[in-house]
PDB file of all heavy atoms in Angstrom:
ATOM      1  N   SER A   1     -32.491  53.163-101.126  1.00  0.00           N
ATOM      2  CA  SER A   1     -32.236  54.215-100.129  1.00  0.00           C
ATOM      3  C   SER A   1     -31.531  53.688 -98.883  1.00  0.00           C
ATOM      4  O   SER A   1     -31.304  54.446 -97.940  1.00  0.00           O
ATOM      5  CB  SER A   1     -33.563  54.866 -99.715  1.00  0.00           C
ATOM      6  OG  SER A   1     -34.418  53.920 -99.093  1.00  0.00           O
ATOM      7  N   ASP A   2     -31.165  52.408 -98.851  1.00  0.00           N
ATOM      8  CA  ASP A   2     -30.567  51.817 -97.649  1.00  0.00           C
ATOM      9  C   ASP A   2     -29.277  52.517 -97.239  1.00  0.00           C
ATOM     10  O   ASP A   2     -29.087  52.871 -96.069  1.00  0.00           O
ATOM     11  CB  ASP A   2     -30.291  50.325 -97.877  1.00  0.00           C
ATOM     12  CG  ASP A   2     -31.562  49.485 -97.862  1.00  0.00           C
ATOM     13  OD1 ASP A   2     -32.634  50.060 -97.577  1.00  0.00           O
ATOM     14  OD2 ASP A   2     -31.485  48.284 -98.145  1.00  0.00           O
ATOM     15  N   LEU A   3     -28.381  52.707 -98.202  1.00  0.00           N
ATOM     16  CA  LEU A   3     -27.085  53.305 -97.868  1.00  0.00           C
ATOM     17  C   LEU A   3     -27.259  54.748 -97.398  1.00  0.00           C
ATOM     18  O   LEU A   3     -26.608  55.183 -96.447  1.00  0.00           O
ATOM     19  CB  LEU A   3     -26.154  53.239 -99.085  1.00  0.00           C
ATOM     20  CG  LEU A   3     -24.712  53.698 -98.861  1.00  0.00           C
ATOM     21  CD1 LEU A   3     -24.056  52.887 -97.759  1.00  0.00           C
ATOM     22  CD2 LEU A   3     -23.910  53.592-100.159  1.00  0.00           C
ATOM     23  N   GLY A   4     -28.138  55.484 -98.041  1.00  0.00           N
ATOM     24  CA  GLY A   4     -28.406  56.849 -97.602  1.00  0.00           C
ATOM     25  C   GLY A   4     -29.008  56.893 -96.213  1.00  0.00           C
ATOM     26  O   GLY A   4     -28.691  57.783 -95.412  1.00  0.00           O
ATOM     27  N   THR A   5     -29.884  55.937 -95.904  1.00  0.00           N
ATOM     28  CA  THR A   5     -30.475  55.866 -94.564  1.00  0.00           C
ATOM     29  C   THR A   5     -29.405  55.620 -93.506  1.00  0.00           C
ATOM     30  O   THR A   5     -29.391  56.246 -92.440  1.00  0.00           O
ATOM     31  CB  THR A   5     -31.531  54.750 -94.512  1.00  0.00           C
ATOM     32  OG1 THR A   5     -32.537  54.994 -95.504  1.00  0.00           O
ATOM     33  CG2 THR A   5     -32.177  54.663 -93.144  1.00  0.00           C
ATOM     34  N   ALA A   6     -28.491  54.692 -93.795  1.00  0.00           N
ATOM     35  CA  ALA A   6     -27.409  54.392 -92.846  1.00  0.00           C
ATOM     36  C   ALA A   6     -26.513  55.606 -92.636  1.00  0.00           C
ATOM     37  O   ALA A   6     -26.140  55.934 -91.496  1.00  0.00           O
ATOM     38  CB  ALA A   6     -26.596  53.199 -93.351  1.00  0.00           C
ATOM     39  N   PHE A   7     -26.162  56.287 -93.716  1.00  0.00           N
ATOM     40  CA  PHE A   7     -25.307  57.469 -93.593  1.00  0.00           C
ATOM     41  C   PHE A   7     -26.009  58.586 -92.811  1.00  0.00           C
ATOM     42  O   PHE A   7     -25.376  59.296 -92.027  1.00  0.00           O
ATOM     43  CB  PHE A   7     -24.892  57.970 -94.976  1.00  0.00           C
ATOM     44  CG  PHE A   7     -23.648  57.318 -95.515  1.00  0.00           C
ATOM     45  CD1 PHE A   7     -23.644  56.713 -96.758  1.00  0.00           C
ATOM     46  CD2 PHE A   7     -22.487  57.309 -94.767  1.00  0.00           C
ATOM     47  CE1 PHE A   7     -22.494  56.121 -97.245  1.00  0.00           C
ATOM     48  CE2 PHE A   7     -21.330  56.711 -95.251  1.00  0.00           C
ATOM     49  CZ  PHE A   7     -21.337  56.108 -96.496  1.00  0.00           C
ATOM     50  N   ALA A   8     -27.308  58.765 -93.025  1.00  0.00           N
ATOM     51  CA  ALA A   8     -28.038  59.802 -92.299  1.00  0.00           C
ATOM     52  C   ALA A   8     -28.054  59.500 -90.798  1.00  0.00           C
ATOM     53  O   ALA A   8     -27.862  60.399 -89.970  1.00  0.00           O
ATOM     54  CB  ALA A   8     -29.462  59.918 -92.838  1.00  0.00           C
ATOM     55  N   LEU A   9     -28.273  58.233 -90.432  1.00  0.00           N
ATOM     56  CA  LEU A   9     -28.277  57.849 -89.021  1.00  0.00           C
ATOM     57  C   LEU A   9     -26.896  58.037 -88.384  1.00  0.00           C
ATOM     58  O   LEU A   9     -26.764  58.582 -87.277  1.00  0.00           O
ATOM     59  CB  LEU A   9     -28.735  56.397 -88.872  1.00  0.00           C
ATOM     60  CG  LEU A   9     -30.206  56.107 -89.211  1.00  0.00           C
ATOM     61  CD1 LEU A   9     -30.469  54.607 -89.210  1.00  0.00           C
ATOM     62  CD2 LEU A   9     -31.132  56.800 -88.222  1.00  0.00           C
ATOM     63  N   LEU A  10     -25.840  57.590 -89.088  1.00  0.00           N
ATOM     64  CA  LEU A  10     -24.489  57.734 -88.551  1.00  0.00           C
ATOM     65  C   LEU A  10     -24.081  59.198 -88.460  1.00  0.00           C
ATOM     66  O   LEU A  10     -23.423  59.613 -87.489  1.00  0.00           O
ATOM     67  CB  LEU A  10     -23.499  56.968 -89.423  1.00  0.00           C
ATOM     68  CG  LEU A  10     -23.620  55.440 -89.407  1.00  0.00           C
ATOM     69  CD1 LEU A  10     -22.690  54.817 -90.433  1.00  0.00           C
ATOM     70  CD2 LEU A  10     -23.331  54.887 -88.019  1.00  0.00           C
ATOM     71  N   SER A  11     -24.459  59.990 -89.449  1.00  0.00           N
ATOM     72  CA  SER A  11     -24.116  61.410 -89.438  1.00  0.00           C
ATOM     73  C   SER A  11     -24.750  62.132 -88.260  1.00  0.00           C
ATOM     74  O   SER A  11     -24.109  62.973 -87.612  1.00  0.00           O
ATOM     75  CB  SER A  11     -24.564  62.046 -90.762  1.00  0.00           C
ATOM     76  OG  SER A  11     -24.356  63.439 -90.751  1.00  0.00           O
ATOM     77  N   SER A  12     -26.003  61.791 -87.961  1.00  0.00           N
ATOM     78  CA  SER A  12     -26.661  62.413 -86.815  1.00  0.00           C
ATOM     79  C   SER A  12     -26.054  61.919 -85.500  1.00  0.00           C
ATOM     80  O   SER A  12     -25.890  62.692 -84.552  1.00  0.00           O
ATOM     81  CB  SER A  12     -28.162  62.127 -86.863  1.00  0.00           C
ATOM     82  OG  SER A  12     -28.808  62.665 -85.734  1.00  0.00           O
ATOM     83  N   TYR A  13     -25.718  60.636 -85.446  1.00  0.00           N
ATOM     84  CA  TYR A  13     -25.183  60.055 -84.210  1.00  0.00           C
ATOM     85  C   TYR A  13     -23.835  60.679 -83.865  1.00  0.00           C
ATOM     86  O   TYR A  13     -23.572  61.057 -82.715  1.00  0.00           O
ATOM     87  CB  TYR A  13     -25.048  58.544 -84.360  1.00  0.00           C
ATOM     88  CG  TYR A  13     -24.544  57.842 -83.120  1.00  0.00           C
ATOM     89  CD1 TYR A  13     -25.422  57.512 -82.096  1.00  0.00           C
ATOM     90  CD2 TYR A  13     -23.202  57.523 -82.978  1.00  0.00           C
ATOM     91  CE1 TYR A  13     -24.975  56.862 -80.956  1.00  0.00           C
ATOM     92  CE2 TYR A  13     -22.732  56.886 -81.846  1.00  0.00           C
ATOM     93  CZ  TYR A  13     -23.630  56.563 -80.833  1.00  0.00           C
ATOM     94  OH  TYR A  13     -23.182  55.929 -79.701  1.00  0.00           O
ATOM     95  N   PHE A  14     -22.939  60.820 -84.863  1.00  0.00           N
ATOM     96  CA  PHE A  14     -21.613  61.384 -84.627  1.00  0.00           C
ATOM     97  C   PHE A  14     -21.601  62.906 -84.759  1.00  0.00           C
ATOM     98  O   PHE A  14     -20.564  63.526 -84.508  1.00  0.00           O
ATOM     99  CB  PHE A  14     -20.606  60.788 -85.612  1.00  0.00           C
ATOM    100  CG  PHE A  14     -20.333  59.330 -85.389  1.00  0.00           C
ATOM    101  CD1 PHE A  14     -20.698  58.393 -86.343  1.00  0.00           C
ATOM    102  CD2 PHE A  14     -19.719  58.891 -84.225  1.00  0.00           C
ATOM    103  CE1 PHE A  14     -20.447  57.042 -86.147  1.00  0.00           C
ATOM    104  CE2 PHE A  14     -19.455  57.546 -84.017  1.00  0.00           C
ATOM    105  CZ  PHE A  14     -19.829  56.616 -84.983  1.00  0.00           C
ATOM    106  N   GLN A  15     -22.717  63.504 -85.196  1.00  0.00           N
ATOM    107  CA  GLN A  15     -22.796  64.943 -85.429  1.00  0.00           C
ATOM    108  C   GLN A  15     -21.700  65.413 -86.376  1.00  0.00           C
ATOM    109  O   GLN A  15     -21.064  66.448 -86.177  1.00  0.00           O
ATOM    110  CB  GLN A  15     -22.738  65.713 -84.107  1.00  0.00           C
ATOM    111  CG  GLN A  15     -24.057  65.746 -83.351  1.00  0.00           C
ATOM    112  CD  GLN A  15     -25.160  66.445 -84.159  1.00  0.00           C
ATOM    113  OE1 GLN A  15     -25.140  67.653 -84.360  1.00  0.00           O
ATOM    114  NE2 GLN A  15     -26.147  65.668 -84.611  1.00  0.00           N
ATOM    115  N   GLU A  16     -21.522  64.629 -87.432  1.00  0.00           N
ATOM    116  CA  GLU A  16     -20.550  64.953 -88.473  1.00  0.00           C
ATOM    117  C   GLU A  16     -21.271  64.923 -89.817  1.00  0.00           C
ATOM    118  O   GLU A  16     -21.900  63.935 -90.167  1.00  0.00           O
ATOM    119  CB  GLU A  16     -19.407  63.932 -88.492  1.00  0.00           C
ATOM    120  CG  GLU A  16     -18.496  64.000 -87.293  1.00  0.00           C
ATOM    121  CD  GLU A  16     -17.551  65.192 -87.372  1.00  0.00           C
ATOM    122  OE1 GLU A  16     -17.400  65.748 -88.477  1.00  0.00           O
ATOM    123  OE2 GLU A  16     -16.977  65.564 -86.329  1.00  0.00           O
ATOM    124  N   PRO A  17     -21.220  65.993 -90.594  1.00  0.00           N
ATOM    125  CA  PRO A  17     -21.891  65.985 -91.902  1.00  0.00           C
ATOM    126  C   PRO A  17     -21.153  65.110 -92.902  1.00  0.00           C
ATOM    127  O   PRO A  17     -19.925  64.884 -92.779  1.00  0.00           O
ATOM    128  CB  PRO A  17     -21.877  67.453 -92.321  1.00  0.00           C
ATOM    129  CG  PRO A  17     -20.678  68.019 -91.637  1.00  0.00           C
ATOM    130  CD  PRO A  17     -20.556  67.285 -90.320  1.00  0.00           C
ATOM    131  N   LEU A  18     -21.869  64.624 -93.888  1.00  0.00           N
ATOM    132  CA  LEU A  18     -21.262  63.883 -94.979  1.00  0.00           C
ATOM    133  C   LEU A  18     -20.480  64.852 -95.870  1.00  0.00           C
ATOM    134  O   LEU A  18     -20.654  66.075 -95.778  1.00  0.00           O
ATOM    135  CB  LEU A  18     -22.342  63.181 -95.805  1.00  0.00           C
ATOM    136  CG  LEU A  18     -23.086  62.037 -95.113  1.00  0.00           C
ATOM    137  CD1 LEU A  18     -24.241  61.563 -95.987  1.00  0.00           C
ATOM    138  CD2 LEU A  18     -22.147  60.889 -94.821  1.00  0.00           C
ATOM    139  N   PRO A  19     -19.602  64.337 -96.724  1.00  0.00           N
ATOM    140  CA  PRO A  19     -18.894  65.232 -97.651  1.00  0.00           C
ATOM    141  C   PRO A  19     -19.884  66.068 -98.455  1.00  0.00           C
ATOM    142  O   PRO A  19     -20.928  65.580 -98.888  1.00  0.00           O
ATOM    143  CB  PRO A  19     -18.123  64.257 -98.547  1.00  0.00           C
ATOM    144  CG  PRO A  19     -17.917  63.053 -97.698  1.00  0.00           C
ATOM    145  CD  PRO A  19     -19.137  62.945 -96.837  1.00  0.00           C
ATOM    146  N   GLU A  20     -19.540  67.336 -98.628  1.00  0.00           N
ATOM    147  CA  GLU A  20     -20.448  68.236 -99.329  1.00  0.00           C
ATOM    148  C   GLU A  20     -20.634  67.797-100.773  1.00  0.00           C
ATOM    149  O   GLU A  20     -19.696  67.309-101.417  1.00  0.00           O
ATOM    150  CB  GLU A  20     -19.900  69.659 -99.271  1.00  0.00           C
ATOM    151  CG  GLU A  20     -20.903  70.717 -99.694  1.00  0.00           C
ATOM    152  CD  GLU A  20     -20.408  72.121 -99.445  1.00  0.00           C
ATOM    153  OE1 GLU A  20     -19.257  72.247 -98.975  1.00  0.00           O
ATOM    154  OE2 GLU A  20     -21.158  73.067 -99.717  1.00  0.00           O
ATOM    155  N   LYS A  21     -21.866  67.961-101.287  1.00  0.00           N
ATOM    156  CA  LYS A  21     -22.239  67.591-102.658  1.00  0.00           C
ATOM    157  C   LYS A  21     -21.979  66.118-102.927  1.00  0.00           C
ATOM    158  O   LYS A  21     -21.428  65.735-103.969  1.00  0.00           O
ATOM    159  CB  LYS A  21     -21.485  68.455-103.663  1.00  0.00           C
ATOM    160  CG  LYS A  21     -21.831  69.936-103.569  1.00  0.00           C
ATOM    161  CD  LYS A  21     -21.089  70.739-104.608  1.00  0.00           C
ATOM    162  CE  LYS A  21     -21.458  72.221-104.486  1.00  0.00           C
ATOM    163  NZ  LYS A  21     -20.742  73.046-105.492  1.00  0.00           N
ATOM    164  N   SER A  22     -22.359  65.273-101.963  1.00  0.00           N
ATOM    165  CA  SER A  22     -22.215  63.828-102.117  1.00  0.00           C
ATOM    166  C   SER A  22     -23.587  63.182-102.182  1.00  0.00           C
ATOM    167  O   SER A  22     -24.577  63.740-101.690  1.00  0.00           O
ATOM    168  CB  SER A  22     -21.415  63.235-100.955  1.00  0.00           C
ATOM    169  OG  SER A  22     -22.109  63.419 -99.721  1.00  0.00           O
ATOM    170  N   ILE A  23     -23.661  62.003-102.802  1.00  0.00           N
ATOM    171  CA  ILE A  23     -24.908  61.264-102.930  1.00  0.00           C
ATOM    172  C   ILE A  23     -24.632  59.798-102.642  1.00  0.00           C
ATOM    173  O   ILE A  23     -23.592  59.262-103.048  1.00  0.00           O
ATOM    174  CB  ILE A  23     -25.517  61.458-104.339  1.00  0.00           C
ATOM    175  CG1 ILE A  23     -26.894  60.831-104.418  1.00  0.00           C
ATOM    176  CG2 ILE A  23     -24.605  60.915-105.425  1.00  0.00           C
ATOM    177  CD1 ILE A  23     -27.631  61.170-105.693  1.00  0.00           C
ATOM    178  N   ALA A  24     -25.535  59.150-101.882  1.00  0.00           N
ATOM    179  CA  ALA A  24     -25.370  57.749-101.475  1.00  0.00           C
ATOM    180  C   ALA A  24     -26.308  56.879-102.288  1.00  0.00           C
ATOM    181  O   ALA A  24     -27.526  57.097-102.294  1.00  0.00           O
ATOM    182  CB  ALA A  24     -25.649  57.597 -99.982  1.00  0.00           C
ATOM    183  N   LEU A  25     -25.742  55.870-102.964  1.00  0.00           N
ATOM    184  CA  LEU A  25     -26.521  54.979-103.806  1.00  0.00           C
ATOM    185  C   LEU A  25     -26.101  53.549-103.524  1.00  0.00           C
ATOM    186  O   LEU A  25     -25.027  53.105-103.937  1.00  0.00           O
ATOM    187  CB  LEU A  25     -26.293  55.299-105.298  1.00  0.00           C
ATOM    188  CG  LEU A  25     -26.594  56.735-105.746  1.00  0.00           C
ATOM    189  CD1 LEU A  25     -26.090  56.963-107.159  1.00  0.00           C
ATOM    190  CD2 LEU A  25     -28.078  57.007-105.660  1.00  0.00           C
ATOM    191  N   GLY A  26     -26.927  52.811-102.784  1.00  0.00           N
ATOM    192  CA  GLY A  26     -26.570  51.434-102.475  1.00  0.00           C
ATOM    193  C   GLY A  26     -27.618  50.764-101.608  1.00  0.00           C
ATOM    194  O   GLY A  26     -28.449  51.415-100.974  1.00  0.00           O
ATOM    195  N   GLU A  27     -27.559  49.436-101.598  1.00  0.00           N
ATOM    196  CA  GLU A  27     -28.448  48.612-100.785  1.00  0.00           C
ATOM    197  C   GLU A  27     -27.619  47.891 -99.731  1.00  0.00           C
ATOM    198  O   GLU A  27     -26.455  47.557 -99.970  1.00  0.00           O
ATOM    199  CB  GLU A  27     -29.175  47.604-101.688  1.00  0.00           C
ATOM    200  CG  GLU A  27     -30.151  46.691-100.968  1.00  0.00           C
ATOM    201  CD  GLU A  27     -30.798  45.684-101.893  1.00  0.00           C
ATOM    202  OE1 GLU A  27     -30.637  45.824-103.119  1.00  0.00           O
ATOM    203  OE2 GLU A  27     -31.447  44.756-101.379  1.00  0.00           O
ATOM    204  N   ILE A  28     -28.203  47.658 -98.572  1.00  0.00           N
ATOM    205  CA  ILE A  28     -27.504  46.989 -97.480  1.00  0.00           C
ATOM    206  C   ILE A  28     -28.191  45.659 -97.192  1.00  0.00           C
ATOM    207  O   ILE A  28     -29.417  45.611 -96.995  1.00  0.00           O
ATOM    208  CB  ILE A  28     -27.470  47.867 -96.212  1.00  0.00           C
ATOM    209  CG1 ILE A  28     -26.740  49.183 -96.500  1.00  0.00           C
ATOM    210  CG2 ILE A  28     -26.791  47.132 -95.062  1.00  0.00           C
ATOM    211  CD1 ILE A  28     -26.701  50.121 -95.303  1.00  0.00           C
TER     212      ILE A  28
END
């Protein structure tokens, strides 16, 4: 869940949603 966690934090910080119907799968 590392990559998804990073994307969620960045998305909230920049107030920009991720691409619609996307899924994050990766380790940091």
